[in-house]
Amino acid sequence: MSNTTTTQPTKYGNPYLWGFILGLVLLAAFVVMGRGLGASGAFNSVLTYVLNVVAPDHIVGNDYYTGYLNGGAPLKSWLLFEVVGVLIGGFLSGALSKRLKFTIEKGPNATTRNRLIFALIGGAIMGVGAKMGLGCTSGQALTGGALLNAGSWAYMMCVFGGAYAFAWFMRKQWN
C-alpha cells in the first residue's frame, strides 16, 4: 500500500454563470452610477491625489488632472472603491476556497526573475495602452463592448490579436 495522497483538482465556478453575473454587475453600475465598469480611472484618481499634495500648481493648470479632482477629493472616486472591492473580493474568494497562497505562476523553463520582469514589462505596456486607448481593457471590453462602441471592439480585437501573435515568442517560457 502506498502512503501517497492524491489531491483533488481545484473546482472553479461555472464561467458562463459568473460571466452572466458580471453582466448583471455591469448593468447595475449603469443603473446606479450612470456609467460602466473600469479600473484605470481609479489609478488616475490616486495619481491626481498624490500630485495635488506634491505639486498642486501643476494640477490646477492641467485640464487632464482637474477632471479627476472630484471637488478637491480625488480619493472619493467610485472607481477607486470598485478597485478596492475587487481586491478584497479576490482575497476573500481565495481564502474561502482555501486557495490563498503566495506563489508566482511560471512555466518549468522560466526563472522567477524572468517571470517577474516579463510581468512588469507586460503591465507597463498594458498601462501605456490603456492611456492611448482611453481606457483599460476592463473598461473597453466590458463597458465599451456592452455599448457596442466600435472603437472598443477594435481595441479588443487588437489586444487579443497582439497577444496571440506575441504568445509565439513567449511560449518557450511555459513549455
N, C-alpha and C. Protein backbone atom coordinates (compact mmCIF):
# COMPACT_ATOMS: atom_id res chain seq x y z
N MET A 1 0.82 -1.18 0.00
CA MET A 1 0.00 0.00 0.00
C MET A 1 0.87 1.25 0.00
N SER A 2 0.50 2.22 -0.78
CA SER A 2 1.28 3.44 -0.90
C SER A 2 0.76 4.49 0.07
N ASN A 3 1.67 5.29 0.60
CA ASN A 3 1.30 6.38 1.51
C ASN A 3 1.11 7.70 0.78
N THR A 4 1.15 7.68 -0.53
CA THR A 4 0.99 8.94 -1.26
C THR A 4 -0.47 9.38 -1.22
N THR A 5 -0.64 10.65 -1.16
CA THR A 5 -2.00 11.20 -1.16
C THR A 5 -2.26 11.84 -2.52
N THR A 6 -3.45 11.67 -2.98
CA THR A 6 -3.82 12.30 -4.24
C THR A 6 -4.60 13.57 -3.93
N THR A 7 -4.29 14.59 -4.67
CA THR A 7 -5.01 15.85 -4.46
C THR A 7 -6.10 15.98 -5.51
N GLN A 8 -7.21 16.45 -5.05
CA GLN A 8 -8.34 16.67 -5.95
C GLN A 8 -8.09 17.95 -6.73
N PRO A 9 -8.43 17.96 -8.01
CA PRO A 9 -8.25 19.21 -8.76
C PRO A 9 -9.14 20.30 -8.18
N THR A 10 -8.63 21.53 -8.25
CA THR A 10 -9.38 22.66 -7.73
C THR A 10 -10.64 22.85 -8.55
N LYS A 11 -11.75 22.98 -7.87
CA LYS A 11 -13.02 23.17 -8.56
C LYS A 11 -13.32 24.67 -8.61
N TYR A 12 -13.53 25.15 -9.80
CA TYR A 12 -13.84 26.56 -10.01
C TYR A 12 -15.31 26.69 -10.38
N GLY A 13 -15.80 27.91 -10.27
CA GLY A 13 -17.18 28.17 -10.62
C GLY A 13 -17.40 28.09 -12.13
N ASN A 14 -18.63 27.97 -12.51
CA ASN A 14 -19.00 27.92 -13.92
C ASN A 14 -18.74 29.28 -14.56
N PRO A 15 -17.86 29.34 -15.58
CA PRO A 15 -17.52 30.64 -16.15
C PRO A 15 -18.71 31.31 -16.84
N TYR A 16 -19.65 30.55 -17.37
CA TYR A 16 -20.82 31.15 -18.01
C TYR A 16 -21.73 31.81 -16.97
N LEU A 17 -21.89 31.14 -15.84
CA LEU A 17 -22.69 31.72 -14.76
C LEU A 17 -22.05 33.01 -14.26
N TRP A 18 -20.74 32.96 -14.00
CA TRP A 18 -20.07 34.14 -13.47
C TRP A 18 -19.96 35.25 -14.51
N GLY A 19 -19.88 34.89 -15.78
CA GLY A 19 -19.93 35.90 -16.85
C GLY A 19 -21.27 36.60 -16.88
N PHE A 20 -22.34 35.81 -16.70
CA PHE A 20 -23.69 36.37 -16.64
C PHE A 20 -23.82 37.31 -15.43
N ILE A 21 -23.29 36.88 -14.29
CA ILE A 21 -23.34 37.71 -13.09
C ILE A 21 -22.54 38.99 -13.28
N LEU A 22 -21.38 38.89 -13.95
CA LEU A 22 -20.60 40.09 -14.25
C LEU A 22 -21.41 41.04 -15.13
N GLY A 23 -22.16 40.50 -16.07
CA GLY A 23 -23.04 41.32 -16.89
C GLY A 23 -24.08 42.04 -16.05
N LEU A 24 -24.63 41.35 -15.06
CA LEU A 24 -25.60 41.99 -14.16
C LEU A 24 -24.95 43.09 -13.32
N VAL A 25 -23.71 42.86 -12.90
CA VAL A 25 -22.98 43.89 -12.16
C VAL A 25 -22.77 45.12 -13.05
N LEU A 26 -22.42 44.87 -14.31
CA LEU A 26 -22.24 45.97 -15.26
C LEU A 26 -23.55 46.74 -15.44
N LEU A 27 -24.64 46.01 -15.59
CA LEU A 27 -25.95 46.65 -15.72
C LEU A 27 -26.27 47.47 -14.47
N ALA A 28 -25.99 46.91 -13.30
CA ALA A 28 -26.24 47.64 -12.04
C ALA A 28 -25.39 48.91 -11.98
N ALA A 29 -24.15 48.84 -12.47
CA ALA A 29 -23.30 50.03 -12.47
C ALA A 29 -23.91 51.12 -13.36
N PHE A 30 -24.45 50.73 -14.50
CA PHE A 30 -25.10 51.70 -15.38
C PHE A 30 -26.33 52.31 -14.70
N VAL A 31 -27.12 51.47 -14.05
CA VAL A 31 -28.36 51.95 -13.42
C VAL A 31 -28.06 52.83 -12.21
N VAL A 32 -27.14 52.39 -11.36
CA VAL A 32 -26.88 53.11 -10.10
C VAL A 32 -25.96 54.30 -10.31
N MET A 33 -24.85 54.10 -11.05
CA MET A 33 -23.84 55.16 -11.18
C MET A 33 -23.94 55.94 -12.48
N GLY A 34 -24.68 55.40 -13.45
CA GLY A 34 -24.80 56.09 -14.72
C GLY A 34 -23.63 55.88 -15.66
N ARG A 35 -22.75 54.95 -15.33
CA ARG A 35 -21.60 54.62 -16.17
C ARG A 35 -21.15 53.21 -15.89
N GLY A 36 -20.32 52.68 -16.76
CA GLY A 36 -19.89 51.30 -16.66
C GLY A 36 -18.69 51.08 -15.77
N LEU A 37 -18.13 49.88 -15.87
CA LEU A 37 -17.00 49.48 -15.05
C LEU A 37 -15.68 49.81 -15.73
N GLY A 38 -14.63 49.89 -14.95
CA GLY A 38 -13.28 50.14 -15.44
C GLY A 38 -12.35 50.25 -14.25
N ALA A 39 -11.06 50.28 -14.52
CA ALA A 39 -10.10 50.35 -13.42
C ALA A 39 -9.12 51.51 -13.56
N SER A 40 -8.79 51.90 -14.78
CA SER A 40 -7.74 52.90 -14.96
C SER A 40 -8.12 54.25 -14.34
N GLY A 41 -9.39 54.58 -14.30
CA GLY A 41 -9.81 55.83 -13.66
C GLY A 41 -9.46 55.88 -12.19
N ALA A 42 -9.46 54.72 -11.52
CA ALA A 42 -9.09 54.68 -10.11
C ALA A 42 -7.62 55.05 -9.93
N PHE A 43 -6.78 54.54 -10.79
CA PHE A 43 -5.36 54.86 -10.70
C PHE A 43 -5.11 56.33 -11.03
N ASN A 44 -5.87 56.87 -11.96
CA ASN A 44 -5.76 58.30 -12.26
C ASN A 44 -6.17 59.14 -11.06
N SER A 45 -7.17 58.69 -10.32
CA SER A 45 -7.59 59.43 -9.12
C SER A 45 -6.50 59.43 -8.06
N VAL A 46 -5.85 58.28 -7.86
CA VAL A 46 -4.77 58.20 -6.88
C VAL A 46 -3.60 59.08 -7.32
N LEU A 47 -3.24 59.02 -8.60
CA LEU A 47 -2.16 59.84 -9.13
C LEU A 47 -2.49 61.32 -8.96
N THR A 48 -3.72 61.70 -9.23
CA THR A 48 -4.13 63.09 -9.07
C THR A 48 -4.02 63.52 -7.62
N TYR A 49 -4.41 62.65 -6.69
CA TYR A 49 -4.30 62.96 -5.26
C TYR A 49 -2.84 63.21 -4.87
N VAL A 50 -1.95 62.30 -5.30
CA VAL A 50 -0.53 62.43 -4.95
C VAL A 50 0.04 63.70 -5.56
N LEU A 51 -0.25 63.95 -6.84
CA LEU A 51 0.26 65.16 -7.48
C LEU A 51 -0.31 66.42 -6.84
N ASN A 52 -1.55 66.35 -6.39
CA ASN A 52 -2.17 67.51 -5.74
C ASN A 52 -1.48 67.83 -4.42
N VAL A 53 -0.96 66.79 -3.74
CA VAL A 53 -0.22 67.01 -2.50
C VAL A 53 1.18 67.56 -2.80
N VAL A 54 1.84 66.98 -3.80
CA VAL A 54 3.23 67.32 -4.11
C VAL A 54 3.34 68.61 -4.92
N ALA A 55 2.51 68.74 -5.96
CA ALA A 55 2.61 69.89 -6.86
C ALA A 55 1.22 70.40 -7.24
N PRO A 56 0.53 71.05 -6.31
CA PRO A 56 -0.84 71.48 -6.57
C PRO A 56 -0.95 72.48 -7.73
N ASP A 57 0.06 73.30 -7.97
CA ASP A 57 0.01 74.24 -9.09
C ASP A 57 -0.03 73.52 -10.42
N HIS A 58 0.63 72.38 -10.50
CA HIS A 58 0.64 71.59 -11.73
C HIS A 58 -0.76 71.03 -12.02
N ILE A 59 -1.46 70.62 -10.98
CA ILE A 59 -2.80 70.05 -11.13
C ILE A 59 -3.78 71.12 -11.61
N VAL A 60 -3.74 72.29 -10.98
CA VAL A 60 -4.69 73.35 -11.31
C VAL A 60 -4.53 73.81 -12.76
N GLY A 61 -3.32 73.81 -13.26
CA GLY A 61 -3.08 74.28 -14.62
C GLY A 61 -3.22 73.20 -15.67
N ASN A 62 -3.68 72.03 -15.31
CA ASN A 62 -3.73 70.90 -16.25
C ASN A 62 -5.17 70.39 -16.35
N ASP A 63 -5.76 70.55 -17.51
CA ASP A 63 -7.16 70.14 -17.71
C ASP A 63 -7.37 68.64 -17.47
N TYR A 64 -6.36 67.84 -17.81
CA TYR A 64 -6.50 66.39 -17.64
C TYR A 64 -6.70 66.03 -16.17
N TYR A 65 -5.84 66.57 -15.31
CA TYR A 65 -5.93 66.22 -13.89
C TYR A 65 -7.11 66.85 -13.19
N THR A 66 -7.50 68.05 -13.61
CA THR A 66 -8.64 68.68 -12.93
C THR A 66 -9.91 67.87 -13.11
N GLY A 67 -9.98 67.06 -14.16
CA GLY A 67 -11.14 66.18 -14.34
C GLY A 67 -11.23 65.09 -13.28
N TYR A 68 -10.12 64.81 -12.63
CA TYR A 68 -10.10 63.78 -11.59
C TYR A 68 -10.08 64.37 -10.18
N LEU A 69 -10.11 65.68 -10.05
CA LEU A 69 -10.06 66.29 -8.72
C LEU A 69 -11.29 65.99 -7.88
N ASN A 70 -12.43 65.77 -8.51
CA ASN A 70 -13.64 65.36 -7.80
C ASN A 70 -13.97 66.32 -6.65
N GLY A 71 -14.03 67.60 -6.97
CA GLY A 71 -14.37 68.60 -5.95
C GLY A 71 -13.31 68.72 -4.87
N GLY A 72 -12.06 68.49 -5.21
CA GLY A 72 -10.98 68.57 -4.23
C GLY A 72 -10.76 67.29 -3.46
N ALA A 73 -11.50 66.25 -3.75
CA ALA A 73 -11.35 64.97 -3.05
C ALA A 73 -11.24 63.83 -4.07
N PRO A 74 -10.09 63.71 -4.74
CA PRO A 74 -9.97 62.69 -5.80
C PRO A 74 -10.12 61.25 -5.29
N LEU A 75 -9.88 61.03 -4.01
CA LEU A 75 -10.00 59.66 -3.48
C LEU A 75 -11.44 59.27 -3.20
N LYS A 76 -12.39 60.16 -3.45
CA LYS A 76 -13.80 59.82 -3.31
C LYS A 76 -14.40 59.32 -4.62
N SER A 77 -13.54 58.98 -5.56
CA SER A 77 -13.99 58.44 -6.84
C SER A 77 -14.59 57.05 -6.63
N TRP A 78 -15.73 56.79 -7.22
CA TRP A 78 -16.37 55.48 -7.03
C TRP A 78 -15.55 54.38 -7.67
N LEU A 79 -14.77 54.70 -8.73
CA LEU A 79 -13.93 53.68 -9.36
C LEU A 79 -12.84 53.19 -8.41
N LEU A 80 -12.36 54.08 -7.54
CA LEU A 80 -11.36 53.67 -6.55
C LEU A 80 -11.97 52.64 -5.59
N PHE A 81 -13.20 52.88 -5.18
CA PHE A 81 -13.88 51.93 -4.31
C PHE A 81 -14.16 50.62 -5.04
N GLU A 82 -14.42 50.70 -6.34
CA GLU A 82 -14.63 49.49 -7.14
C GLU A 82 -13.37 48.63 -7.14
N VAL A 83 -12.21 49.25 -7.38
CA VAL A 83 -10.95 48.51 -7.44
C VAL A 83 -10.60 47.92 -6.08
N VAL A 84 -10.80 48.68 -5.02
CA VAL A 84 -10.55 48.16 -3.66
C VAL A 84 -11.50 46.99 -3.39
N GLY A 85 -12.74 47.10 -3.82
CA GLY A 85 -13.70 46.00 -3.65
C GLY A 85 -13.28 44.75 -4.42
N VAL A 86 -12.74 44.93 -5.62
CA VAL A 86 -12.26 43.79 -6.40
C VAL A 86 -11.11 43.11 -5.68
N LEU A 87 -10.19 43.89 -5.11
CA LEU A 87 -9.06 43.30 -4.37
C LEU A 87 -9.54 42.55 -3.13
N ILE A 88 -10.45 43.14 -2.39
CA ILE A 88 -10.98 42.48 -1.20
C ILE A 88 -11.77 41.24 -1.59
N GLY A 89 -12.59 41.33 -2.64
CA GLY A 89 -13.36 40.18 -3.10
C GLY A 89 -12.48 39.04 -3.57
N GLY A 90 -11.40 39.35 -4.29
CA GLY A 90 -10.46 38.32 -4.73
C GLY A 90 -9.78 37.65 -3.56
N PHE A 91 -9.40 38.44 -2.56
CA PHE A 91 -8.79 37.88 -1.36
C PHE A 91 -9.76 36.97 -0.62
N LEU A 92 -10.99 37.43 -0.44
CA LEU A 92 -11.99 36.62 0.26
C LEU A 92 -12.31 35.33 -0.51
N SER A 93 -12.40 35.43 -1.82
CA SER A 93 -12.66 34.25 -2.64
C SER A 93 -11.57 33.21 -2.46
N GLY A 94 -10.32 33.66 -2.52
CA GLY A 94 -9.20 32.74 -2.33
C GLY A 94 -9.18 32.15 -0.93
N ALA A 95 -9.48 32.97 0.07
CA ALA A 95 -9.46 32.48 1.45
C ALA A 95 -10.58 31.48 1.71
N LEU A 96 -11.79 31.78 1.23
CA LEU A 96 -12.92 30.89 1.47
C LEU A 96 -12.80 29.57 0.72
N SER A 97 -12.13 29.58 -0.44
CA SER A 97 -11.97 28.34 -1.20
C SER A 97 -10.65 27.64 -0.87
N LYS A 98 -9.95 28.15 0.12
CA LYS A 98 -8.68 27.57 0.58
C LYS A 98 -7.65 27.51 -0.56
N ARG A 99 -7.66 28.53 -1.41
CA ARG A 99 -6.68 28.64 -2.50
C ARG A 99 -5.76 29.82 -2.28
N LEU A 100 -5.77 30.38 -1.09
CA LEU A 100 -4.99 31.57 -0.81
C LEU A 100 -3.56 31.16 -0.45
N LYS A 101 -2.64 31.50 -1.32
CA LYS A 101 -1.23 31.23 -1.05
C LYS A 101 -0.40 32.16 -1.91
N PHE A 102 0.80 32.44 -1.46
CA PHE A 102 1.69 33.28 -2.23
C PHE A 102 2.46 32.39 -3.19
N THR A 103 2.31 32.65 -4.46
CA THR A 103 3.01 31.87 -5.47
C THR A 103 3.24 32.73 -6.69
N ILE A 104 4.21 32.35 -7.46
CA ILE A 104 4.48 33.01 -8.73
C ILE A 104 4.28 31.96 -9.81
N GLU A 105 3.23 32.14 -10.60
CA GLU A 105 2.94 31.18 -11.66
C GLU A 105 3.95 31.34 -12.78
N LYS A 106 4.55 30.24 -13.16
CA LYS A 106 5.53 30.28 -14.25
C LYS A 106 5.69 28.90 -14.83
N GLY A 107 6.17 28.86 -16.04
CA GLY A 107 6.43 27.59 -16.70
C GLY A 107 7.70 26.95 -16.18
N PRO A 108 7.93 25.69 -16.51
CA PRO A 108 9.11 24.99 -16.00
C PRO A 108 10.43 25.55 -16.52
N ASN A 109 10.41 26.23 -17.66
CA ASN A 109 11.64 26.78 -18.22
C ASN A 109 11.89 28.23 -17.84
N ALA A 110 10.99 28.81 -17.09
CA ALA A 110 11.11 30.22 -16.72
C ALA A 110 11.67 30.35 -15.31
N THR A 111 12.57 31.29 -15.15
CA THR A 111 13.05 31.59 -13.80
C THR A 111 12.08 32.58 -13.15
N THR A 112 12.08 32.63 -11.85
CA THR A 112 11.22 33.57 -11.14
C THR A 112 11.57 35.00 -11.53
N ARG A 113 12.87 35.27 -11.64
CA ARG A 113 13.32 36.61 -12.02
C ARG A 113 12.76 37.00 -13.40
N ASN A 114 12.91 36.13 -14.39
CA ASN A 114 12.39 36.44 -15.72
C ASN A 114 10.88 36.59 -15.73
N ARG A 115 10.18 35.76 -14.96
CA ARG A 115 8.72 35.84 -14.90
C ARG A 115 8.29 37.21 -14.38
N LEU A 116 8.95 37.67 -13.32
CA LEU A 116 8.61 38.97 -12.75
C LEU A 116 8.98 40.11 -13.69
N ILE A 117 10.10 39.99 -14.39
CA ILE A 117 10.49 41.02 -15.36
C ILE A 117 9.47 41.09 -16.49
N PHE A 118 9.09 39.92 -17.04
CA PHE A 118 8.11 39.91 -18.13
C PHE A 118 6.75 40.43 -17.65
N ALA A 119 6.38 40.12 -16.42
CA ALA A 119 5.11 40.62 -15.89
C ALA A 119 5.14 42.14 -15.75
N LEU A 120 6.27 42.68 -15.29
CA LEU A 120 6.40 44.12 -15.16
C LEU A 120 6.37 44.80 -16.52
N ILE A 121 7.07 44.25 -17.49
CA ILE A 121 7.07 44.82 -18.84
C ILE A 121 5.67 44.75 -19.44
N GLY A 122 5.02 43.60 -19.31
CA GLY A 122 3.66 43.45 -19.84
C GLY A 122 2.68 44.40 -19.18
N GLY A 123 2.80 44.57 -17.87
CA GLY A 123 1.92 45.51 -17.16
C GLY A 123 2.15 46.94 -17.60
N ALA A 124 3.41 47.30 -17.82
CA ALA A 124 3.73 48.66 -18.29
C ALA A 124 3.16 48.88 -19.69
N ILE A 125 3.30 47.89 -20.56
CA ILE A 125 2.76 48.02 -21.92
C ILE A 125 1.24 48.16 -21.87
N MET A 126 0.58 47.37 -21.02
CA MET A 126 -0.88 47.48 -20.89
C MET A 126 -1.28 48.84 -20.32
N GLY A 127 -0.48 49.37 -19.39
CA GLY A 127 -0.77 50.69 -18.83
C GLY A 127 -0.68 51.78 -19.88
N VAL A 128 0.36 51.73 -20.70
CA VAL A 128 0.51 52.70 -21.78
C VAL A 128 -0.63 52.52 -22.79
N GLY A 129 -0.96 51.27 -23.08
CA GLY A 129 -2.07 51.01 -24.00
C GLY A 129 -3.40 51.52 -23.47
N ALA A 130 -3.59 51.43 -22.15
CA ALA A 130 -4.83 51.94 -21.55
C ALA A 130 -4.92 53.45 -21.71
N LYS A 131 -3.79 54.14 -21.57
CA LYS A 131 -3.82 55.60 -21.76
C LYS A 131 -4.05 55.95 -23.23
N MET A 132 -3.39 55.22 -24.14
CA MET A 132 -3.55 55.50 -25.57
C MET A 132 -4.95 55.14 -26.04
N GLY A 133 -5.52 54.07 -25.49
CA GLY A 133 -6.84 53.61 -25.89
C GLY A 133 -7.97 54.29 -25.14
N LEU A 134 -7.63 55.24 -24.28
CA LEU A 134 -8.61 55.99 -23.48
C LEU A 134 -9.44 55.08 -22.58
N GLY A 135 -8.80 54.08 -22.02
CA GLY A 135 -9.47 53.19 -21.07
C GLY A 135 -8.76 51.86 -20.97
N CYS A 136 -8.90 51.23 -19.83
CA CYS A 136 -8.25 49.93 -19.61
C CYS A 136 -9.04 48.83 -20.32
N THR A 137 -8.49 47.65 -20.31
CA THR A 137 -9.16 46.55 -21.01
C THR A 137 -10.52 46.24 -20.41
N SER A 138 -10.65 46.36 -19.09
CA SER A 138 -11.96 46.07 -18.50
C SER A 138 -12.98 47.13 -18.92
N GLY A 139 -12.57 48.38 -18.92
CA GLY A 139 -13.48 49.43 -19.35
C GLY A 139 -13.82 49.33 -20.83
N GLN A 140 -12.80 49.05 -21.64
CA GLN A 140 -13.03 48.95 -23.08
C GLN A 140 -13.87 47.72 -23.41
N ALA A 141 -13.50 46.57 -22.86
CA ALA A 141 -14.19 45.32 -23.21
C ALA A 141 -15.58 45.26 -22.62
N LEU A 142 -15.69 45.52 -21.33
CA LEU A 142 -17.00 45.41 -20.67
C LEU A 142 -17.92 46.57 -21.03
N THR A 143 -17.48 47.76 -20.67
CA THR A 143 -18.35 48.91 -20.84
C THR A 143 -18.50 49.29 -22.31
N GLY A 144 -17.38 49.49 -23.00
CA GLY A 144 -17.44 49.86 -24.41
C GLY A 144 -18.08 48.78 -25.26
N GLY A 145 -17.74 47.51 -24.97
CA GLY A 145 -18.33 46.41 -25.72
C GLY A 145 -19.83 46.31 -25.52
N ALA A 146 -20.28 46.52 -24.28
CA ALA A 146 -21.71 46.46 -23.99
C ALA A 146 -22.47 47.59 -24.67
N LEU A 147 -21.78 48.71 -24.85
CA LEU A 147 -22.41 49.86 -25.53
C LEU A 147 -22.25 49.77 -27.05
N LEU A 148 -21.68 48.67 -27.53
CA LEU A 148 -21.43 48.45 -28.96
C LEU A 148 -20.58 49.56 -29.57
N ASN A 149 -19.64 50.06 -28.79
CA ASN A 149 -18.73 51.09 -29.23
C ASN A 149 -17.73 50.48 -30.21
N ALA A 150 -17.72 50.93 -31.44
CA ALA A 150 -16.84 50.36 -32.47
C ALA A 150 -15.37 50.47 -32.08
N GLY A 151 -14.98 51.58 -31.45
CA GLY A 151 -13.59 51.74 -31.02
C GLY A 151 -13.20 50.71 -29.98
N SER A 152 -14.11 50.39 -29.08
CA SER A 152 -13.83 49.37 -28.06
C SER A 152 -13.67 48.00 -28.67
N TRP A 153 -14.51 47.68 -29.64
CA TRP A 153 -14.41 46.39 -30.31
C TRP A 153 -13.09 46.30 -31.08
N ALA A 154 -12.71 47.38 -31.75
CA ALA A 154 -11.44 47.40 -32.49
C ALA A 154 -10.26 47.27 -31.52
N TYR A 155 -10.35 47.98 -30.39
CA TYR A 155 -9.30 47.90 -29.36
C TYR A 155 -9.14 46.46 -28.88
N MET A 156 -10.24 45.81 -28.55
CA MET A 156 -10.15 44.44 -28.03
C MET A 156 -9.66 43.46 -29.09
N MET A 157 -10.04 43.66 -30.35
CA MET A 157 -9.50 42.79 -31.40
C MET A 157 -7.99 42.95 -31.50
N CYS A 158 -7.52 44.18 -31.36
CA CYS A 158 -6.07 44.42 -31.39
C CYS A 158 -5.39 43.81 -30.16
N VAL A 159 -6.01 43.91 -28.99
CA VAL A 159 -5.43 43.32 -27.78
C VAL A 159 -5.31 41.81 -27.94
N PHE A 160 -6.40 41.16 -28.33
CA PHE A 160 -6.35 39.70 -28.47
C PHE A 160 -5.45 39.28 -29.63
N GLY A 161 -5.50 40.00 -30.74
CA GLY A 161 -4.64 39.68 -31.88
C GLY A 161 -3.17 39.85 -31.52
N GLY A 162 -2.85 40.95 -30.84
CA GLY A 162 -1.47 41.19 -30.41
C GLY A 162 -0.99 40.14 -29.42
N ALA A 163 -1.86 39.77 -28.49
CA ALA A 163 -1.49 38.74 -27.50
C ALA A 163 -1.27 37.40 -28.19
N TYR A 164 -2.12 37.06 -29.13
CA TYR A 164 -1.99 35.80 -29.85
C TYR A 164 -0.68 35.79 -30.65
N ALA A 165 -0.38 36.88 -31.33
CA ALA A 165 0.84 36.96 -32.14
C ALA A 165 2.08 36.92 -31.27
N PHE A 166 2.05 37.63 -30.13
CA PHE A 166 3.22 37.70 -29.26
C PHE A 166 3.41 36.41 -28.47
N ALA A 167 2.35 35.65 -28.27
CA ALA A 167 2.44 34.40 -27.49
C ALA A 167 3.44 33.43 -28.11
N TRP A 168 3.58 33.46 -29.43
CA TRP A 168 4.52 32.57 -30.10
C TRP A 168 5.93 32.79 -29.58
N PHE A 169 6.28 34.06 -29.30
CA PHE A 169 7.61 34.38 -28.81
C PHE A 169 7.80 34.02 -27.33
N MET A 170 6.72 33.98 -26.59
CA MET A 170 6.80 33.73 -25.15
C MET A 170 6.55 32.27 -24.78
N ARG A 171 6.11 31.46 -25.69
CA ARG A 171 5.69 30.08 -25.37
C ARG A 171 6.81 29.24 -24.76
N LYS A 172 8.06 29.49 -25.13
CA LYS A 172 9.16 28.69 -24.56
C LYS A 172 9.29 28.89 -23.06
N GLN A 173 8.76 29.99 -22.55
CA GLN A 173 8.78 30.21 -21.10
C GLN A 173 7.81 29.28 -20.37
N TRP A 174 6.83 28.75 -21.09
CA TRP A 174 5.78 27.94 -20.46
C TRP A 174 5.85 26.46 -20.85
N ASN A 175 6.72 26.08 -21.75
CA ASN A 175 6.82 24.66 -22.15
C ASN A 175 7.87 23.95 -21.36
